[in-house]
PDB file of N, CA and C in Angstrom:
ATOM      1  N   MET A   1      -0.829 419.433 -22.880  1.00  0.00           N
ATOM      2  CA  MET A   1      -1.976 419.088 -22.278  1.00  0.00           C
ATOM      3  C   MET A   1      -1.667 418.264 -21.105  1.00  0.00           C
ATOM      4  N   THR A   2      -1.939 418.633 -19.864  1.00  0.00           N
ATOM      5  CA  THR A   2      -1.801 417.583 -18.646  1.00  0.00           C
ATOM      6  C   THR A   2      -3.066 417.450 -17.783  1.00  0.00           C
ATOM      7  N   PHE A   3      -3.087 416.532 -17.207  1.00  0.00           N
ATOM      8  CA  PHE A   3      -4.364 416.374 -16.264  1.00  0.00           C
ATOM      9  C   PHE A   3      -3.736 415.352 -15.067  1.00  0.00           C
ATOM     10  N   LEU A   4      -3.785 415.956 -14.003  1.00  0.00           N
ATOM     11  CA  LEU A   4      -3.262 415.465 -12.722  1.00  0.00           C
ATOM     12  C   LEU A   4      -1.590 415.378 -12.884  1.00  0.00           C
ATOM     13  N   ASN A   5      -1.209 416.349 -13.368  1.00  0.00           N
ATOM     14  CA  ASN A   5       0.450 416.332 -13.855  1.00  0.00           C
ATOM     15  C   ASN A   5       0.869 415.098 -14.489  1.00  0.00           C
ATOM     16  N   LEU A   6       0.201 414.560 -15.381  1.00  0.00           N
ATOM     17  CA  LEU A   6       0.662 413.759 -16.342  1.00  0.00           C
ATOM     18  C   LEU A   6       0.300 414.097 -17.670  1.00  0.00           C
ATOM     19  N   GLU A   7       1.249 413.621 -18.804  1.00  0.00           N
ATOM     20  CA  GLU A   7       0.868 414.105 -20.081  1.00  0.00           C
ATOM     21  C   GLU A   7      -0.121 413.253 -20.631  1.00  0.00           C
ATOM     22  N   TRP A   8      -0.743 413.450 -21.734  1.00  0.00           N
ATOM     23  CA  TRP A   8      -2.140 412.662 -22.468  1.00  0.00           C
ATOM     24  C   TRP A   8      -1.416 411.263 -22.578  1.00  0.00           C
ATOM     25  N   TYR A   9      -0.081 411.097 -23.313  1.00  0.00           N
ATOM     26  CA  TYR A   9       0.205 409.772 -23.674  1.00  0.00           C
ATOM     27  C   TYR A   9       0.596 408.987 -22.376  1.00  0.00           C
ATOM     28  N   TRP A  10       0.795 409.436 -21.175  1.00  0.00           N
ATOM     29  CA  TRP A  10       0.722 408.613 -20.073  1.00  0.00           C
ATOM     30  C   TRP A  10      -0.484 408.151 -19.587  1.00  0.00           C
ATOM     31  N   TRP A  11      -1.616 408.864 -19.803  1.00  0.00           N
ATOM     32  CA  TRP A  11      -2.942 408.380 -19.408  1.00  0.00           C
ATOM     33  C   TRP A  11      -3.405 407.369 -20.575  1.00  0.00           C
ATOM     34  N   LEU A  12      -3.061 407.525 -21.882  1.00  0.00           N
ATOM     35  CA  LEU A  12      -3.001 406.564 -23.021  1.00  0.00           C
ATOM     36  C   LEU A  12      -2.519 405.276 -22.373  1.00  0.00           C
ATOM     37  N   ILE A  13      -1.167 405.219 -21.984  1.00  0.00           N
ATOM     38  CA  ILE A  13      -0.637 404.022 -21.798  1.00  0.00           C
ATOM     39  C   ILE A  13      -1.451 403.261 -20.383  1.00  0.00           C
ATOM     40  N   ILE A  14      -1.593 404.075 -19.537  1.00  0.00           N
ATOM     41  CA  ILE A  14      -2.611 403.601 -18.452  1.00  0.00           C
ATOM     42  C   ILE A  14      -3.756 402.947 -18.717  1.00  0.00           C
ATOM     43  N   VAL A  15      -4.406 403.721 -19.766  1.00  0.00           N
ATOM     44  CA  VAL A  15      -5.690 402.754 -19.960  1.00  0.00           C
ATOM     45  C   VAL A  15      -5.503 401.831 -21.006  1.00  0.00           C
ATOM     46  N   ILE A  16      -4.365 401.691 -21.685  1.00  0.00           N
ATOM     47  CA  ILE A  16      -4.254 400.374 -22.463  1.00  0.00           C
ATOM     48  C   ILE A  16      -3.973 399.161 -21.376  1.00  0.00           C
ATOM     49  N   LEU A  17      -2.994 399.585 -20.445  1.00  0.00           N
ATOM     50  CA  LEU A  17      -2.703 398.628 -19.656  1.00  0.00           C
ATOM     51  C   LEU A  17      -3.928 398.191 -18.618  1.00  0.00           C
ATOM     52  N   LEU A  18      -4.698 399.019 -18.240  1.00  0.00           N
ATOM     53  CA  LEU A  18      -5.819 398.606 -17.593  1.00  0.00           C
ATOM     54  C   LEU A  18      -6.873 397.631 -18.496  1.00  0.00           C
ATOM     55  N   ALA A  19      -7.055 397.963 -19.556  1.00  0.00           N
ATOM     56  CA  ALA A  19      -7.658 397.080 -20.452  1.00  0.00           C
ATOM     57  C   ALA A  19      -7.148 395.670 -20.532  1.00  0.00           C
ATOM     58  N   ILE A  20      -5.724 395.801 -20.996  1.00  0.00           N
ATOM     59  CA  ILE A  20      -5.146 394.574 -21.024  1.00  0.00           C
ATOM     60  C   ILE A  20      -5.434 393.481 -19.620  1.00  0.00           C
ATOM     61  N   ALA A  21      -5.112 394.209 -18.493  1.00  0.00           N
ATOM     62  CA  ALA A  21      -5.312 393.543 -17.380  1.00  0.00           C
ATOM     63  C   ALA A  21      -6.676 392.841 -16.909  1.00  0.00           C
ATOM     64  N   ILE A  22      -7.728 393.821 -17.448  1.00  0.00           N
ATOM     65  CA  ILE A  22      -9.056 393.255 -17.447  1.00  0.00           C
ATOM     66  C   ILE A  22      -9.391 392.193 -18.235  1.00  0.00           C
ATOM     67  N   LEU A  23      -9.022 392.398 -19.652  1.00  0.00           N
ATOM     68  CA  LEU A  23      -9.255 390.998 -20.336  1.00  0.00           C
ATOM     69  C   LEU A  23      -8.563 389.671 -19.867  1.00  0.00           C
ATOM     70  N   LEU A  24      -7.153 390.143 -19.207  1.00  0.00           N
ATOM     71  CA  LEU A  24      -6.352 388.919 -18.784  1.00  0.00           C
ATOM     72  C   LEU A  24      -7.317 388.135 -17.478  1.00  0.00           C
ATOM     73  N   LYS A  25      -7.981 389.047 -16.861  1.00  0.00           N
ATOM     74  CA  LYS A  25      -8.636 388.720 -15.420  1.00  0.00           C
ATOM     75  C   LYS A  25      -9.897 387.922 -15.951  1.00  0.00           C
ATOM     76  N   ILE A  26     -10.624 388.554 -16.954  1.00  0.00           N
ATOM     77  CA  ILE A  26     -11.646 387.621 -17.569  1.00  0.00           C
ATOM     78  C   ILE A  26     -11.316 386.318 -17.949  1.00  0.00           C
ATOM     79  N   LYS A  27     -10.026 386.274 -18.674  1.00  0.00           N
ATOM     80  CA  LYS A  27      -9.640 384.963 -19.369  1.00  0.00           C
ATOM     81  C   LYS A  27      -9.436 384.046 -18.138  1.00  0.00           C
ATOM     82  N   PHE A  28      -8.774 384.507 -17.119  1.00  0.00           N
ATOM     83  CA  PHE A  28      -8.288 383.698 -16.036  1.00  0.00           C
ATOM     84  C   PHE A  28      -9.469 382.987 -15.242  1.00  0.00           C
ATOM     85  N   ILE A  29     -10.409 384.135 -15.007  1.00  0.00           N
ATOM     86  CA  ILE A  29     -11.667 383.589 -14.468  1.00  0.00           C
ATOM     87  C   ILE A  29     -12.521 382.572 -15.223  1.00  0.00           C
ATOM     88  N   GLN A  30     -12.629 382.689 -16.498  1.00  0.00           N
ATOM     89  CA  GLN A  30     -13.153 381.646 -17.339  1.00  0.00           C
ATOM     90  C   GLN A  30     -12.355 380.342 -17.383  1.00  0.00           C
ATOM     91  N   TRP A  31     -10.892 380.366 -17.310  1.00  0.00           N
ATOM     92  CA  TRP A  31     -10.427 379.043 -16.941  1.00  0.00           C
ATOM     93  C   TRP A  31     -10.429 378.525 -15.789  1.00  0.00           C
ATOM     94  N   TRP A  32     -10.582 379.293 -14.651  1.00  0.00           N
ATOM     95  CA  TRP A  32     -10.550 378.633 -13.390  1.00  0.00           C
ATOM     96  C   TRP A  32     -11.954 378.051 -13.137  1.00  0.00           C
ATOM     97  N   ASN A  33     -12.796 378.921 -13.701  1.00  0.00           N
ATOM     98  CA  ASN A  33     -14.230 377.992 -13.450  1.00  0.00           C
ATOM     99  C   ASN A  33     -14.417 376.746 -14.341  1.00  0.00           C
ATOM    100  N   GLY A  34     -13.803 376.752 -15.601  1.00  0.00           N
ATOM    101  CA  GLY A  34     -13.789 375.420 -16.264  1.00  0.00           C
ATOM    102  C   GLY A  34     -13.111 374.430 -15.390  1.00  0.00           C
ATOM    103  N   ARG A  35     -11.985 374.876 -14.945  1.00  0.00           N
ATOM    104  CA  ARG A  35     -10.917 373.851 -14.318  1.00  0.00           C
ATOM    105  C   ARG A  35     -11.864 373.361 -12.858  1.00  0.00           C
ATOM    106  N   GLN A  36     -12.714 374.123 -12.306  1.00  0.00           N
ATOM    107  CA  GLN A  36     -13.455 373.831 -11.091  1.00  0.00           C
ATOM    108  C   GLN A  36     -14.700 372.929 -11.657  1.00  0.00           C
ATOM    109  N   TYR A  37     -15.098 373.111 -12.689  1.00  0.00           N
ATOM    110  CA  TYR A  37     -16.137 372.476 -13.215  1.00  0.00           C
ATOM    111  C   TYR A  37     -15.692 371.062 -13.634  1.00  0.00           C
ATOM    112  N   ASP A  38     -14.460 370.824 -14.333  1.00  0.00           N
ATOM    113  CA  ASP A  38     -13.922 369.512 -14.575  1.00  0.00           C
ATOM    114  C   ASP A  38     -13.257 368.779 -13.568  1.00  0.00           C
ATOM    115  N   LYS A  39     -12.817 369.484 -12.348  1.00  0.00           N
ATOM    116  CA  LYS A  39     -12.961 368.793 -11.235  1.00  0.00           C
ATOM    117  C   LYS A  39     -14.024 368.421 -10.453  1.00  0.00           C
ATOM    118  N   LYS A  40     -15.003 369.071 -10.391  1.00  0.00           N
ATOM    119  CA  LYS A  40     -16.494 368.491  -9.834  1.00  0.00           C
ATOM    120  C   LYS A  40     -16.956 367.216 -10.566  1.00  0.00           C
ATOM    121  N   LYS A  41     -16.888 367.587 -12.046  1.00  0.00           N
ATOM    122  CA  LYS A  41     -17.283 366.354 -12.820  1.00  0.00           C
ATOM    123  C   LYS A  41     -16.348 365.238 -12.675  1.00  0.00           C
ATOM    124  N   GLU A  42     -15.405 365.204 -12.414  1.00  0.00           N
ATOM    125  CA  GLU A  42     -14.443 364.246 -12.243  1.00  0.00           C
ATOM    126  C   GLU A  42     -14.655 363.351 -11.074  1.00  0.00           C
ATOM    127  N   GLN A  43     -14.975 364.214  -9.698  1.00  0.00           N
ATOM    128  CA  GLN A  43     -15.103 363.626  -8.500  1.00  0.00           C
ATOM    129  C   GLN A  43     -16.750 362.934  -8.417  1.00  0.00           C
ATOM    130  N   HIS A  44     -17.546 363.343  -9.277  1.00  0.00           N
ATOM    131  CA  HIS A  44     -18.974 362.762  -9.160  1.00  0.00           C
ATOM    132  C   HIS A  44     -19.022 361.403  -9.459  1.00  0.00           C
ATOM    133  N   GLY A  45     -19.650 360.535  -8.499  1.00  0.00           N
ATOM    134  CA  GLY A  45     -19.765 359.219  -8.483  1.00  0.00           C
ATOM    135  C   GLY A  45     -18.650 358.242  -7.891  1.00  0.00           C
ATOM    136  N   LYS A  46     -17.659 359.196  -7.458  1.00  0.00           N
ATOM    137  CA  LYS A  46     -16.727 358.485  -6.476  1.00  0.00           C
ATOM    138  C   LYS A  46     -17.346 358.130  -5.002  1.00  0.00           C
ATOM    139  N   TRP A  47     -16.953 357.178  -4.187  1.00  0.00           N
ATOM    140  CA  TRP A  47     -17.678 357.032  -3.049  1.00  0.00           C
ATOM    141  C   TRP A  47     -17.268 358.110  -2.068  1.00  0.00           C
ATOM    142  N   GLY A  48     -18.329 358.526  -1.383  1.00  0.00           N
ATOM    143  CA  GLY A  48     -18.133 359.592  -0.349  1.00  0.00           C
ATOM    144  C   GLY A  48     -18.249 360.930  -0.639  1.00  0.00           C
ATOM    145  N   ASP A  49     -18.206 361.026  -2.039  1.00  0.00           N
ATOM    146  CA  ASP A  49     -18.546 362.451  -2.514  1.00  0.00           C
ATOM    147  C   ASP A  49     -19.913 362.382  -3.343  1.00  0.00           C
ATOM    148  N   GLU A  50     -20.800 361.348  -3.222  1.00  0.00           N
ATOM    149  CA  GLU A  50     -22.160 361.476  -3.899  1.00  0.00           C
ATOM    150  C   GLU A  50     -23.121 362.148  -3.209  1.00  0.00           C
ATOM    151  N   GLU A  51     -23.893 363.094  -3.893  1.00  0.00           N
ATOM    152  CA  GLU A  51     -24.698 363.876  -3.749  1.00  0.00           C
ATOM    153  C   GLU A  51     -26.129 363.523  -3.894  1.00  0.00           C
TER     154      GLU A  51
END
């Protein structure tokens, strides 16, 4: 069985790799947002950065 000239197992591998990439991207975005939050919290109260 082929679809776009690729066997079914290649499509399975592609789908698995895409799922892993999406999960890693979500983890990275959560880590990055937490890092930015910590940086902003750290700067709060310093002279020149008060809002």
